């Protein structure tokens, strides 16, 4: 028998399965079950996988909700970019808009508090990547993504778009400030 020539017996699928083949099938099945179990384990106990929700919404409706939130909670404006810094109420909801080529506004969170951050895109597919904690979410137009997060360390965190969204993609950066509890 040759790999170049067709098999002499055309009904190869009716041949009995060899013991070695059964062993490899069993190994592949067991390994697949182990990996399936690990996915469930890491989803429940892992720190890198956030459970999030997504709802259909129009860009106009999300923008209206976000602008209302910004108007009610703005504490200052970043002078270098003229972007509002918005303090999210402890345990409350914050809104972050992705659009060519900016994240709007800058959010300020408090260490140790749990927040729901609402994300949506006004135009194209964007990626929400919070660095250096490595949170990655695909932000799709027409959907409101709700991410529950509890910052554990004060500092300035970069929000990077990690989905190519056009010529200004490399400059699509945002910030989230996390302050110490009580500041």
Protein backbone atom coordinates (compact mmCIF):
# COMPACT_ATOMS: atom_id res chain seq x y z
CA UNK A 1 0.00 0.00 0.00
CA UNK A 2 1.27 3.47 -0.84
CA UNK A 3 0.24 6.95 0.16
CA UNK A 4 0.29 7.93 -3.50
CA UNK A 5 -1.85 5.08 -4.87
CA UNK A 6 -5.46 4.60 -3.82
CA UNK A 7 -6.14 1.78 -1.35
CA UNK A 8 -6.74 -1.61 -2.92
CA UNK A 9 -9.83 -2.14 -0.78
CA UNK A 10 -12.11 0.81 -1.55
CA UNK A 11 -14.33 0.24 1.50
CA UNK A 12 -11.65 1.16 4.05
CA UNK A 13 -14.22 2.49 6.54
CA UNK A 14 -15.59 -1.02 6.97
CA UNK A 15 -12.27 -2.35 8.23
CA UNK A 16 -12.07 -3.12 11.98
CA UNK A 17 -10.40 -0.49 14.16
CA UNK A 18 -7.00 -1.55 15.46
CA UNK A 19 -6.17 -1.56 19.21
CA UNK A 20 -3.68 1.29 18.76
CA UNK A 21 -6.34 3.41 17.08
CA UNK A 22 -8.79 2.70 19.93
CA UNK A 23 -6.08 3.73 22.40
CA UNK A 24 -5.56 7.07 20.62
CA UNK A 25 -9.31 7.65 20.42
CA UNK A 26 -9.57 7.01 24.18
CA UNK A 27 -6.62 9.30 24.94
CA UNK A 28 -8.11 12.10 22.79
CA UNK A 29 -11.53 11.67 24.46
CA UNK A 30 -10.08 11.74 28.00
CA UNK A 31 -7.93 14.78 27.17
CA UNK A 32 -10.96 16.56 25.68
CA UNK A 33 -12.96 15.90 28.87
CA UNK A 34 -10.07 17.19 31.02
CA UNK A 35 -9.88 20.40 28.96
CA UNK A 36 -13.67 20.81 29.10
CA UNK A 37 -13.55 20.47 32.89
CA UNK A 38 -10.69 22.99 33.08
CA UNK A 39 -12.72 25.54 31.09
CA UNK A 40 -15.52 25.30 33.65
CA UNK A 41 -13.05 25.40 36.56
CA UNK A 42 -11.22 28.50 35.24
CA UNK A 43 -14.48 30.26 34.47
CA UNK A 44 -15.61 29.82 38.08
CA UNK A 45 -12.29 30.13 39.94
CA UNK A 46 -9.95 31.83 37.45
CA UNK A 47 -9.23 35.52 37.74
CA UNK A 48 -8.77 36.20 34.03
CA UNK A 49 -12.28 35.37 32.83
CA UNK A 50 -14.93 37.97 33.55
CA UNK A 51 -18.56 37.03 33.32
CA UNK A 52 -20.27 39.75 31.39
CA UNK A 53 -23.69 40.47 29.99
CA UNK A 54 -24.62 41.86 26.59
CA UNK A 55 -27.86 43.51 25.49
CA UNK A 56 -29.01 44.85 22.14
CA UNK A 57 -29.19 48.65 22.08
CA UNK A 58 -29.06 51.40 19.49
CA UNK A 59 -25.97 53.63 19.49
CA UNK A 60 -28.21 56.68 19.99
CA UNK A 61 -29.85 55.23 23.12
CA UNK A 62 -26.51 54.17 24.61
CA UNK A 63 -25.01 57.61 23.87
CA UNK A 64 -27.97 59.28 25.62
CA UNK A 65 -27.54 57.07 28.72
CA UNK A 66 -23.79 57.74 28.75
CA UNK A 67 -24.18 61.51 28.31
CA UNK A 68 -26.70 61.63 31.18
CA UNK A 69 -24.24 59.68 33.37
CA UNK A 70 -21.38 62.01 32.37
CA UNK A 71 -23.43 65.16 33.06
CA UNK A 72 -24.39 63.93 36.54
CA UNK A 73 -20.98 62.61 37.67
CA UNK A 74 -18.22 64.71 36.06
CA UNK A 75 -15.67 65.86 38.65
CA UNK A 76 -13.06 67.52 36.42
CA UNK A 77 -11.71 67.73 32.89
CA UNK A 78 -8.34 66.41 31.74
CA UNK A 79 -6.65 69.52 30.36
CA UNK A 80 -4.32 67.68 27.98
CA UNK A 81 -7.22 66.04 26.10
CA UNK A 82 -10.31 68.03 27.15
CA UNK A 83 -12.04 64.79 28.19
CA UNK A 84 -14.25 64.69 31.30
CA UNK A 85 -13.16 62.58 34.26
CA UNK A 86 -16.25 60.94 35.71
CA UNK A 87 -16.42 59.47 39.21
CA UNK A 88 -18.51 56.34 39.20
CA UNK A 89 -20.58 56.06 42.40
CA UNK A 90 -19.40 53.22 44.66
CA UNK A 91 -21.24 50.08 43.66
CA UNK A 92 -22.80 51.92 40.73
CA UNK A 93 -22.79 51.85 36.96
CA UNK A 94 -20.24 53.57 34.71
CA UNK A 95 -20.51 54.15 30.97
CA UNK A 96 -17.66 54.04 28.47
CA UNK A 97 -18.13 54.88 24.79
CA UNK A 98 -15.88 53.53 22.03
CA UNK A 99 -15.79 55.52 18.82
CA UNK A 100 -13.25 56.44 16.18
CA UNK A 101 -10.55 56.75 17.72
CA UNK A 102 -11.20 57.42 21.37
CA UNK A 103 -12.57 56.04 24.61
CA UNK A 104 -14.94 58.52 26.24
CA UNK A 105 -14.95 59.54 29.12
CA UNK A 106 -12.18 58.79 31.62
CA UNK A 107 -13.59 56.84 34.56
CA UNK A 108 -12.51 57.20 38.19
CA UNK A 109 -13.17 54.19 40.42
CA UNK A 110 -12.44 53.49 44.08
CA UNK A 111 -10.27 50.60 45.21
CA UNK A 112 -12.22 47.70 46.74
CA UNK A 113 -15.63 48.74 45.37
CA UNK A 114 -17.57 46.70 42.81
CA UNK A 115 -18.78 48.44 39.66
CA UNK A 116 -20.74 47.61 36.54
CA UNK A 117 -19.03 49.15 33.53
CA UNK A 118 -21.24 49.50 30.45
CA UNK A 119 -19.41 49.48 27.11
CA UNK A 120 -20.68 50.09 23.61
CA UNK A 121 -19.33 51.14 20.24
CA UNK A 122 -20.85 53.97 18.24
CA UNK A 123 -19.40 52.94 14.88
CA UNK A 124 -17.13 49.92 14.35
CA UNK A 125 -15.93 46.86 16.20
CA UNK A 126 -13.48 47.86 18.96
CA UNK A 127 -11.62 45.91 21.62
CA UNK A 128 -11.59 46.91 25.29
CA UNK A 129 -8.27 45.86 26.77
CA UNK A 130 -7.55 47.06 30.30
CA UNK A 131 -3.83 47.05 30.94
CA UNK A 132 -1.88 45.83 32.90
CA UNK A 133 -4.62 43.55 34.29
CA UNK A 134 -5.31 41.98 30.89
CA UNK A 135 -9.09 42.26 30.72
CA UNK A 136 -10.21 41.84 27.09
CA UNK A 137 -13.71 42.38 25.75
CA UNK A 138 -14.86 42.74 22.16
CA UNK A 139 -17.08 45.84 21.96
CA UNK A 140 -19.63 45.41 19.19
CA UNK A 141 -21.84 48.18 17.80
CA UNK A 142 -25.50 47.67 18.64
CA UNK A 143 -24.71 45.87 21.91
CA UNK A 144 -24.28 47.12 25.46
CA UNK A 145 -21.68 45.03 27.24
CA UNK A 146 -21.87 45.08 31.04
CA UNK A 147 -18.70 44.07 32.88
CA UNK A 148 -18.60 43.65 36.64
CA UNK A 149 -15.23 44.60 38.11
CA UNK A 150 -13.70 45.26 41.51
CA UNK A 151 -10.40 47.17 41.37
CA UNK A 152 -7.93 45.83 43.94
CA UNK A 153 -5.04 48.26 43.47
CA UNK A 154 -4.95 52.05 43.10
CA UNK A 155 -3.29 53.50 40.01
CA UNK A 156 -3.78 54.60 36.43
CA UNK A 157 -4.87 51.92 34.01
CA UNK A 158 -4.69 52.14 30.23
CA UNK A 159 -7.65 51.25 28.05
CA UNK A 160 -6.38 50.06 24.68
CA UNK A 161 -8.36 49.15 21.57
CA UNK A 162 -7.11 45.73 20.52
CA UNK A 163 -9.32 45.29 17.44
CA UNK A 164 -8.12 47.05 14.30
CA UNK A 165 -10.61 49.89 13.71
CA UNK A 166 -8.99 52.01 11.02
CA UNK A 167 -6.10 54.37 10.41
CA UNK A 168 -6.23 55.96 13.88
CA UNK A 169 -6.38 52.61 15.71
CA UNK A 170 -2.91 52.96 17.24
CA UNK A 171 -3.93 56.21 18.97
CA UNK A 172 -7.17 54.82 20.48
CA UNK A 173 -6.19 54.96 24.12
CA UNK A 174 -8.19 55.75 27.22
CA UNK A 175 -7.69 55.77 30.98
CA UNK A 176 -9.31 54.51 34.14
CA UNK A 177 -8.15 55.97 37.44
CA UNK A 178 -8.44 53.89 40.59
CA UNK A 179 -8.12 55.86 43.83
CA UNK A 180 -7.41 54.54 47.31
CA UNK A 181 -10.42 53.90 49.47
CA UNK A 182 -11.60 57.11 51.16
CA UNK A 183 -9.72 59.57 48.91
